[in-house]
C-alpha atoms as a PDB file:
ATOM      1  CA  MET A   1       0.034  -0.209   0.093  1.00  0.00           C
ATOM      2  CA  THR A   2       1.259   3.673  -0.805  1.00  0.00           C
ATOM      3  CA  THR A   3       1.611   6.172   1.931  1.00  0.00           C
ATOM      4  CA  ASP A   4      -1.556   8.341  -0.225  1.00  0.00           C
ATOM      5  CA  HIS A   5      -4.240   6.767   1.473  1.00  0.00           C
ATOM      6  CA  ARG A   6      -6.102   7.713  -1.601  1.00  0.00           C
ATOM      7  CA  LEU A   7      -3.687   4.941  -3.844  1.00  0.00           C
ATOM      8  CA  TYR A   8      -3.694   1.700  -3.001  1.00  0.00           C
ATOM      9  CA  SER A   9      -1.176  -1.140  -4.546  1.00  0.00           C
ATOM     10  CA  ALA A  10      -0.844  -4.834  -5.035  1.00  0.00           C
ATOM     11  CA  ARG A  11       1.401  -6.594  -7.030  1.00  0.00           C
ATOM     12  CA  TYR A  12       0.542  -9.348  -8.134  1.00  0.00           C
ATOM     13  CA  PHE A  13       2.244 -12.768 -10.301  1.00  0.00           C
ATOM     14  CA  LEU A  14       0.959 -14.438 -13.286  1.00  0.00           C
ATOM     15  CA  THR A  15       1.236 -18.539 -12.875  1.00  0.00           C
ATOM     16  CA  PRO A  16       0.985 -21.203 -15.724  1.00  0.00           C
ATOM     17  CA  GLY A  17      -2.353 -22.449 -14.566  1.00  0.00           C
ATOM     18  CA  GLU A  18      -4.110 -18.731 -14.366  1.00  0.00           C
ATOM     19  CA  CYS A  19      -3.044 -17.828 -18.028  1.00  0.00           C
ATOM     20  CA  ASN A  20      -5.643 -18.710 -21.141  1.00  0.00           C
ATOM     21  CA  ALA A  21      -4.489 -20.615 -24.189  1.00  0.00           C
ATOM     22  CA  GLN A  22      -2.551 -17.867 -25.302  1.00  0.00           C
ATOM     23  CA  GLN A  23      -0.056 -17.740 -22.112  1.00  0.00           C
ATOM     24  CA  LEU A  24      -1.769 -14.541 -21.153  1.00  0.00           C
ATOM     25  CA  MET A  25      -3.535 -12.726 -18.233  1.00  0.00           C
ATOM     26  CA  PRO A  26      -7.371 -13.868 -19.409  1.00  0.00           C
ATOM     27  CA  LEU A  27      -9.750 -10.951 -19.108  1.00  0.00           C
ATOM     28  CA  PRO A  28     -11.671 -12.625 -16.595  1.00  0.00           C
ATOM     29  CA  LEU A  29      -8.972 -12.955 -14.072  1.00  0.00           C
ATOM     30  CA  LEU A  30      -8.159  -8.843 -14.454  1.00  0.00           C
ATOM     31  CA  VAL A  31     -11.758  -8.726 -13.690  1.00  0.00           C
ATOM     32  CA  GLU A  32     -11.181 -10.640 -10.631  1.00  0.00           C
ATOM     33  CA  ARG A  33      -8.118  -8.793  -9.593  1.00  0.00           C
ATOM     34  CA  ILE A  34      -9.632  -5.395 -10.327  1.00  0.00           C
ATOM     35  CA  ILE A  35     -12.822  -6.182  -7.719  1.00  0.00           C
ATOM     36  CA  GLU A  36     -10.230  -7.761  -5.004  1.00  0.00           C
ATOM     37  CA  ILE A  37      -8.055  -4.792  -5.213  1.00  0.00           C
ATOM     38  CA  ALA A  38     -11.534  -2.505  -4.749  1.00  0.00           C
ATOM     39  CA  THR A  39     -12.385  -3.882  -2.029  1.00  0.00           C
ATOM     40  CA  LEU A  40      -9.001  -4.121  -0.173  1.00  0.00           C
ATOM     41  CA  HIS A  41      -8.879  -0.284  -0.568  1.00  0.00           C
ATOM     42  CA  ALA A  42     -12.575  -0.045   0.022  1.00  0.00           C
ATOM     43  CA  ASP A  43     -12.157  -1.844   3.486  1.00  0.00           C
ATOM     44  CA  SER A  44      -8.797   0.163   4.095  1.00  0.00           C
ATOM     45  CA  LEU A  45     -10.922   3.320   3.945  1.00  0.00           C
ATOM     46  CA  ASP A  46     -13.849   1.828   6.256  1.00  0.00           C
ATOM     47  CA  ILE A  47     -16.196   1.990   3.275  1.00  0.00           C
ATOM     48  CA  GLY A  48     -15.743  -1.820   2.919  1.00  0.00           C
ATOM     49  CA  TYR A  49     -18.673  -4.232   3.105  1.00  0.00           C
ATOM     50  CA  PRO A  50     -17.334  -4.800   6.899  1.00  0.00           C
ATOM     51  CA  THR A  51     -18.882  -1.226   7.653  1.00  0.00           C
ATOM     52  CA  ILE A  52     -21.886  -1.096   5.337  1.00  0.00           C
ATOM     53  CA  SER A  53     -23.387  -4.309   6.221  1.00  0.00           C
ATOM     54  CA  ARG A  54     -23.970  -3.090   9.144  1.00  0.00           C
ATOM     55  CA  GLU A  55     -27.121  -1.459   7.131  1.00  0.00           C
ATOM     56  CA  GLY A  56     -27.700  -4.337   5.305  1.00  0.00           C
ATOM     57  CA  ASN A  57     -25.614  -2.896   2.330  1.00  0.00           C
ATOM     58  CA  THR A  58     -23.217  -4.208  -0.318  1.00  0.00           C
ATOM     59  CA  TRP A  59     -21.115  -2.632  -3.101  1.00  0.00           C
ATOM     60  CA  VAL A  60     -21.847  -4.046  -6.713  1.00  0.00           C
ATOM     61  CA  LEU A  61     -20.111  -3.295  -9.967  1.00  0.00           C
ATOM     62  CA  SER A  62     -21.854  -1.757 -12.624  1.00  0.00           C
ATOM     63  CA  ARG A  63     -19.610  -1.067 -15.414  1.00  0.00           C
ATOM     64  CA  LEU A  64     -16.726  -1.551 -16.374  1.00  0.00           C
ATOM     65  CA  ALA A  65     -14.113  -0.264 -19.135  1.00  0.00           C
ATOM     66  CA  ILE A  66     -10.483  -1.870 -19.526  1.00  0.00           C
ATOM     67  CA  GLU A  67      -7.840  -0.774 -22.350  1.00  0.00           C
ATOM     68  CA  MET A  68      -4.821  -2.685 -22.455  1.00  0.00           C
ATOM     69  CA  LYS A  69      -1.643  -1.933 -24.606  1.00  0.00           C
ATOM     70  CA  ARG A  70      -0.798  -5.452 -23.823  1.00  0.00           C
ATOM     71  CA  TRP A  71      -1.498  -8.047 -21.371  1.00  0.00           C
ATOM     72  CA  PRO A  72       0.878  -9.683 -18.565  1.00  0.00           C
ATOM     73  CA  ARG A  73       2.574 -13.007 -19.651  1.00  0.00           C
ATOM     74  CA  VAL A  74       3.118 -16.104 -17.875  1.00  0.00           C
ATOM     75  CA  ASP A  75       5.234 -16.162 -15.368  1.00  0.00           C
ATOM     76  CA  GLU A  76       5.502 -12.178 -15.052  1.00  0.00           C
ATOM     77  CA  TYR A  77       4.894 -10.176 -12.336  1.00  0.00           C
ATOM     78  CA  TYR A  78       2.369  -7.394 -12.621  1.00  0.00           C
ATOM     79  CA  GLU A  79       0.904  -4.507 -10.327  1.00  0.00           C
ATOM     80  CA  LEU A  80      -2.686  -2.831  -9.992  1.00  0.00           C
ATOM     81  CA  THR A  81      -3.171   0.499  -8.536  1.00  0.00           C
ATOM     82  CA  THR A  82      -6.579   1.874  -7.430  1.00  0.00           C
ATOM     83  CA  TRP A  83      -8.161   5.002  -6.610  1.00  0.00           C
ATOM     84  CA  VAL A  84     -11.335   6.635  -6.140  1.00  0.00           C
ATOM     85  CA  GLU A  85     -11.941   9.565  -8.587  1.00  0.00           C
ATOM     86  CA  ASN A  86     -15.706  10.663  -7.276  1.00  0.00           C
ATOM     87  CA  PHE A  87     -18.757   9.644  -6.313  1.00  0.00           C
ATOM     88  CA  GLY A  88     -22.347  10.779  -5.758  1.00  0.00           C
ATOM     89  CA  ARG A  89     -25.310   9.670  -3.798  1.00  0.00           C
ATOM     90  CA  PHE A  90     -25.545   6.132  -5.022  1.00  0.00           C
ATOM     91  CA  TRP A  91     -22.213   5.058  -6.967  1.00  0.00           C
ATOM     92  CA  SER A  92     -18.785   5.733  -7.071  1.00  0.00           C
ATOM     93  CA  ASP A  93     -16.366   6.109  -9.620  1.00  0.00           C
ATOM     94  CA  ARG A  94     -12.856   3.760  -9.595  1.00  0.00           C
ATOM     95  CA  ASN A  95     -10.046   3.962 -12.017  1.00  0.00           C
ATOM     96  CA  LEU A  96      -7.081   1.504 -11.980  1.00  0.00           C
ATOM     97  CA  ALA A  97      -3.662   1.279 -13.505  1.00  0.00           C
ATOM     98  CA  ILE A  98      -2.040  -1.837 -14.648  1.00  0.00           C
ATOM     99  CA  ALA A  99       1.946  -2.052 -14.644  1.00  0.00           C
ATOM    100  CA  ASP A 100       4.242  -4.507 -15.449  1.00  0.00           C
ATOM    101  CA  ALA A 101       7.572  -5.297 -13.558  1.00  0.00           C
ATOM    102  CA  ASP A 102       9.611  -2.144 -14.510  1.00  0.00           C
ATOM    103  CA  GLY A 103       6.998  -0.234 -13.409  1.00  0.00           C
ATOM    104  CA  ASN A 104       5.302   0.930 -17.178  1.00  0.00           C
ATOM    105  CA  THR A 105       1.827   1.102 -17.566  1.00  0.00           C
ATOM    106  CA  ILE A 106       0.351  -1.321 -19.632  1.00  0.00           C
ATOM    107  CA  GLY A 107      -3.151  -1.003 -19.237  1.00  0.00           C
ATOM    108  CA  TYR A 108      -6.054   1.444 -17.070  1.00  0.00           C
ATOM    109  CA  ALA A 109      -9.403   0.199 -16.054  1.00  0.00           C
ATOM    110  CA  ARG A 110     -12.447   2.550 -14.983  1.00  0.00           C
ATOM    111  CA  THR A 111     -15.057   1.224 -13.014  1.00  0.00           C
ATOM    112  CA  VAL A 112     -18.730   2.390 -11.819  1.00  0.00           C
ATOM    113  CA  TRP A 113     -20.121   0.692  -8.081  1.00  0.00           C
ATOM    114  CA  VAL A 114     -23.094   1.483  -7.103  1.00  0.00           C
ATOM    115  CA  ILE A 115     -24.336   0.351  -3.244  1.00  0.00           C
ATOM    116  CA  MET A 116     -27.015  -1.710  -2.896  1.00  0.00           C
ATOM    117  CA  ASN A 117     -29.051  -2.492  -0.165  1.00  0.00           C
ATOM    118  CA  MET A 118     -29.356  -6.512  -0.012  1.00  0.00           C
ATOM    119  CA  GLU A 119     -32.756  -6.442   1.380  1.00  0.00           C
ATOM    120  CA  THR A 120     -34.279  -4.407  -1.270  1.00  0.00           C
ATOM    121  CA  ARG A 121     -32.298  -4.993  -4.209  1.00  0.00           C
ATOM    122  CA  ARG A 122     -32.063  -1.639  -4.302  1.00  0.00           C
ATOM    123  CA  PRO A 123     -29.668   1.385  -4.603  1.00  0.00           C
ATOM    124  CA  ALA A 124     -28.636   2.573  -0.900  1.00  0.00           C
ATOM    125  CA  ASP A 125     -27.855   5.907  -0.034  1.00  0.00           C
ATOM    126  CA  LEU A 126     -23.682   6.554   0.145  1.00  0.00           C
ATOM    127  CA  THR A 127     -23.372   9.614   1.596  1.00  0.00           C
ATOM    128  CA  ILE A 128     -24.904   7.988   5.455  1.00  0.00           C
ATOM    129  CA  TYR A 129     -21.157   7.340   5.529  1.00  0.00           C
ATOM    130  CA  PRO A 130     -19.157  10.215   6.529  1.00  0.00           C
ATOM    131  CA  GLN A 131     -15.674   8.554   6.278  1.00  0.00           C
ATOM    132  CA  ILE A 132     -16.498   8.787   2.163  1.00  0.00           C
ATOM    133  CA  GLU A 133     -14.914  12.922   1.983  1.00  0.00           C
ATOM    134  CA  GLY A 134     -11.629  13.382   1.688  1.00  0.00           C
ATOM    135  CA  ILE A 135     -11.168   9.705  -0.207  1.00  0.00           C
ATOM    136  CA  CYS A 136     -11.562  11.162  -3.619  1.00  0.00           C
ATOM    137  CA  ASN A 137      -7.976  11.351  -5.875  1.00  0.00           C
ATOM    138  CA  PRO A 138      -9.324  13.503  -9.179  1.00  0.00           C
ATOM    139  CA  GLU A 139      -5.777  14.761 -10.260  1.00  0.00           C
ATOM    140  CA  ALA A 140      -4.764  10.525 -10.532  1.00  0.00           C
ATOM    141  CA  GLU A 141      -4.424   9.913 -14.408  1.00  0.00           C
ATOM    142  CA  CYS A 142      -6.656   7.753 -16.336  1.00  0.00           C
ATOM    143  CA  PRO A 143      -6.693   8.673 -20.006  1.00  0.00           C
ATOM    144  CA  ILE A 144      -9.437   6.142 -20.986  1.00  0.00           C
ATOM    145  CA  ASP A 145     -12.696   6.726 -21.978  1.00  0.00           C
ATOM    146  CA  ARG A 146     -15.664   5.952 -19.187  1.00  0.00           C
ATOM    147  CA  PRO A 147     -17.848   2.747 -19.667  1.00  0.00           C
ATOM    148  CA  ALA A 148     -20.171   3.127 -22.592  1.00  0.00           C
ATOM    149  CA  LYS A 149     -23.751   2.665 -22.384  1.00  0.00           C
ATOM    150  CA  LEU A 150     -24.104  -0.049 -24.435  1.00  0.00           C
ATOM    151  CA  ALA A 151     -26.652  -0.914 -27.114  1.00  0.00           C
ATOM    152  CA  LYS A 152     -28.990  -4.177 -27.198  1.00  0.00           C
ATOM    153  CA  VAL A 153     -27.377  -6.798 -29.336  1.00  0.00           C
ATOM    154  CA  GLU A 154     -29.621  -7.947 -32.510  1.00  0.00           C
ATOM    155  CA  SER A 155     -28.585 -11.460 -33.568  1.00  0.00           C
ATOM    156  CA  ASP A 156     -30.221 -14.492 -34.814  1.00  0.00           C
ATOM    157  CA  ASP A 157     -27.289 -16.612 -33.642  1.00  0.00           C
ATOM    158  CA  THR A 158     -27.820 -17.164 -29.936  1.00  0.00           C
ATOM    159  CA  VAL A 159     -26.698 -20.231 -27.052  1.00  0.00           C
ATOM    160  CA  GLY A 160     -28.828 -21.327 -24.171  1.00  0.00           C
ATOM    161  CA  TYR A 161     -27.096 -21.429 -20.864  1.00  0.00           C
ATOM    162  CA  THR A 162     -28.672 -22.569 -16.979  1.00  0.00           C
ATOM    163  CA  PHE A 163     -26.642 -20.545 -14.158  1.00  0.00           C
ATOM    164  CA  GLN A 164     -25.218 -23.347 -12.125  1.00  0.00           C
ATOM    165  CA  TYR A 165     -24.121 -23.267  -8.258  1.00  0.00           C
ATOM    166  CA  SER A 166     -20.745 -22.578  -9.019  1.00  0.00           C
ATOM    167  CA  ASP A 167     -21.146 -19.122 -11.198  1.00  0.00           C
ATOM    168  CA  ILE A 168     -22.647 -18.085  -8.091  1.00  0.00           C
ATOM    169  CA  ASP A 169     -21.137 -15.168  -5.809  1.00  0.00           C
ATOM    170  CA  PHE A 170     -21.182 -14.135  -2.310  1.00  0.00           C
ATOM    171  CA  ASN A 171     -24.206 -11.731  -3.144  1.00  0.00           C
ATOM    172  CA  ARG A 172     -26.172 -15.217  -4.067  1.00  0.00           C
ATOM    173  CA  HIS A 173     -26.106 -13.538  -8.146  1.00  0.00           C
ATOM    174  CA  VAL A 174     -24.244 -14.614 -10.732  1.00  0.00           C
ATOM    175  CA  ASN A 175     -20.355 -13.546 -10.140  1.00  0.00           C
ATOM    176  CA  SER A 176     -19.414 -10.949 -12.370  1.00  0.00           C
ATOM    177  CA  CYS A 177     -16.417 -12.603 -14.280  1.00  0.00           C
ATOM    178  CA  ARG A 178     -18.745 -15.561 -15.461  1.00  0.00           C
ATOM    179  CA  TYR A 179     -20.517 -13.540 -17.545  1.00  0.00           C
ATOM    180  CA  ILE A 180     -17.310 -12.356 -18.879  1.00  0.00           C
ATOM    181  CA  GLU A 181     -16.389 -16.244 -19.674  1.00  0.00           C
ATOM    182  CA  LEU A 182     -19.653 -16.798 -21.650  1.00  0.00           C
ATOM    183  CA  LEU A 183     -19.670 -13.650 -23.657  1.00  0.00           C
ATOM    184  CA  LEU A 184     -15.923 -14.267 -24.845  1.00  0.00           C
ATOM    185  CA  ASN A 185     -17.185 -18.118 -25.761  1.00  0.00           C
ATOM    186  CA  CYS A 186     -18.958 -16.264 -28.671  1.00  0.00           C
ATOM    187  CA  TRP A 187     -16.188 -15.977 -30.833  1.00  0.00           C
ATOM    188  CA  PRO A 188     -13.689 -19.617 -31.604  1.00  0.00           C
ATOM    189  CA  MET A 189      -9.790 -19.979 -30.196  1.00  0.00           C
ATOM    190  CA  ASP A 190      -8.490 -19.306 -33.361  1.00  0.00           C
ATOM    191  CA  TRP A 191      -9.899 -15.828 -33.802  1.00  0.00           C
ATOM    192  CA  HIS A 192      -8.730 -15.168 -30.102  1.00  0.00           C
ATOM    193  CA  ASP A 193      -5.310 -16.874 -30.618  1.00  0.00           C
ATOM    194  CA  GLU A 194      -5.066 -13.837 -33.632  1.00  0.00           C
ATOM    195  CA  HIS A 195      -7.087 -10.542 -31.968  1.00  0.00           C
ATOM    196  CA  PRO A 196      -5.920  -9.742 -28.265  1.00  0.00           C
ATOM    197  CA  ILE A 197      -8.818  -7.526 -26.500  1.00  0.00           C
ATOM    198  CA  ALA A 198      -7.446  -4.350 -26.791  1.00  0.00           C
ATOM    199  CA  ARG A 199     -10.524  -2.527 -24.988  1.00  0.00           C
ATOM    200  CA  VAL A 200     -13.778  -3.845 -23.250  1.00  0.00           C
ATOM    201  CA  ASP A 201     -16.989  -1.832 -22.150  1.00  0.00           C
ATOM    202  CA  ILE A 202     -19.208  -4.034 -19.643  1.00  0.00           C
ATOM    203  CA  ASN A 203     -22.618  -3.418 -18.764  1.00  0.00           C
ATOM    204  CA  TYR A 204     -23.669  -5.315 -15.617  1.00  0.00           C
ATOM    205  CA  LEU A 205     -27.867  -4.357 -16.065  1.00  0.00           C
ATOM    206  CA  LYS A 206     -29.976  -7.097 -13.740  1.00  0.00           C
ATOM    207  CA  GLU A 207     -28.899  -9.696 -11.385  1.00  0.00           C
ATOM    208  CA  ALA A 208     -29.390 -12.897 -12.452  1.00  0.00           C
ATOM    209  CA  HIS A 209     -29.925 -16.111 -10.035  1.00  0.00           C
ATOM    210  CA  TYR A 210     -29.106 -19.942  -9.637  1.00  0.00           C
ATOM    211  CA  GLY A 211     -30.997 -22.083 -11.801  1.00  0.00           C
ATOM    212  CA  GLU A 212     -32.100 -19.023 -14.386  1.00  0.00           C
ATOM    213  CA  GLN A 213     -32.250 -20.005 -18.419  1.00  0.00           C
ATOM    214  CA  VAL A 214     -30.561 -16.912 -20.687  1.00  0.00           C
ATOM    215  CA  SER A 215     -30.092 -16.767 -24.098  1.00  0.00           C
ATOM    216  CA  ILE A 216     -26.283 -15.815 -25.083  1.00  0.00           C
ATOM    217  CA  MET A 217     -25.806 -13.810 -28.333  1.00  0.00           C
ATOM    218  CA  ALA A 218     -23.661 -11.903 -30.441  1.00  0.00           C
ATOM    219  CA  GLU A 219     -22.636  -9.996 -33.281  1.00  0.00           C
ATOM    220  CA  PRO A 220     -20.367 -11.525 -36.463  1.00  0.00           C
ATOM    221  CA  GLN A 221     -16.364 -11.567 -35.170  1.00  0.00           C
ATOM    222  CA  GLY A 222     -14.706  -8.038 -36.422  1.00  0.00           C
ATOM    223  CA  GLN A 223     -12.380  -5.920 -35.102  1.00  0.00           C
ATOM    224  CA  THR A 224     -14.914  -4.488 -33.000  1.00  0.00           C
ATOM    225  CA  ALA A 225     -18.185  -6.508 -31.896  1.00  0.00           C
ATOM    226  CA  HIS A 226     -20.890  -6.860 -29.407  1.00  0.00           C
ATOM    227  CA  ALA A 227     -22.712  -9.451 -27.352  1.00  0.00           C
ATOM    228  CA  GLU A 228     -25.402  -9.840 -24.520  1.00  0.00           C
ATOM    229  CA  ILE A 229     -26.824 -12.057 -22.403  1.00  0.00           C
ATOM    230  CA  VAL A 230     -30.392 -12.428 -22.348  1.00  0.00           C
ATOM    231  CA  SER A 231     -32.702 -13.163 -19.892  1.00  0.00           C
ATOM    232  CA  ALA A 232     -35.860 -15.880 -20.652  1.00  0.00           C
ATOM    233  CA  ASP A 233     -38.619 -13.027 -20.565  1.00  0.00           C
ATOM    234  CA  GLY A 234     -36.362 -11.233 -22.665  1.00  0.00           C
ATOM    235  CA  THR A 235     -34.463  -8.575 -20.268  1.00  0.00           C
ATOM    236  CA  SER A 236     -30.932  -7.445 -20.778  1.00  0.00           C
ATOM    237  CA  ILE A 237     -28.566  -9.090 -17.881  1.00  0.00           C
ATOM    238  CA  SER A 238     -25.202  -7.529 -19.257  1.00  0.00           C
ATOM    239  CA  ARG A 239     -23.790  -6.381 -22.658  1.00  0.00           C
ATOM    240  CA  ALA A 240     -20.137  -6.238 -23.935  1.00  0.00           C
ATOM    241  CA  ALA A 241     -18.247  -4.490 -26.674  1.00  0.00           C
ATOM    242  CA  PHE A 242     -14.820  -6.026 -27.763  1.00  0.00           C
ATOM    243  CA  ARG A 243     -12.589  -4.181 -29.314  1.00  0.00           C
ATOM    244  CA  PHE A 244      -9.619  -6.929 -30.799  1.00  0.00           C
ATOM    245  CA  ALA A 245      -5.937  -5.819 -31.965  1.00  0.00           C
ATOM    246  CA  PRO A 246      -4.807  -7.593 -35.014  1.00  0.00           C
END
């Protein structure tokens, strides 16, 4: 952790067992690390789950954007640094920088978090926590666009899926990373071999739960492509836009 409480850093090592088929850090693992370091920083600021759960509240990831110049490779150390850019009554903007072992920045992420009441499943009031004041670091650089608001995907090519026990997380809804895994499966191995992800935008729109049946659909593979997970009644659960590098 840095001496500035507004910044929080953690160093990691990419093991062979964590890599994808291209021997690189997979996108779902990076999102898992982003959630992890956000949790650790929030805890250190006394605005994490142990504090807000006293009122029955929890943090939920709402939107995400990641841009990578390159991805960490197998047997490579990498570091994440996070900070809160700003916040409102029901949400918080948290940014991250990803660096290699030499301290070179290789990527950035922007995230939007919502504080949700676990009983009502509705947004809760963040401003009841006075410790939120003074934690923002708006001068820290994050030179990528904010997460985009994504449109509905129009496609007749769909795959059905039913969420299972292993898809469910701590909040008893589908894990944020599981959506990403399912969306990435919309394109075949040889496409991923030749097209690393340069940017991804993700919108988490609705909770999905154990036993729920969904449809997964995607546009034809291209340098930019959209994919979506839709519930049985047609409600959008999660949308993503991928920009692939050649």
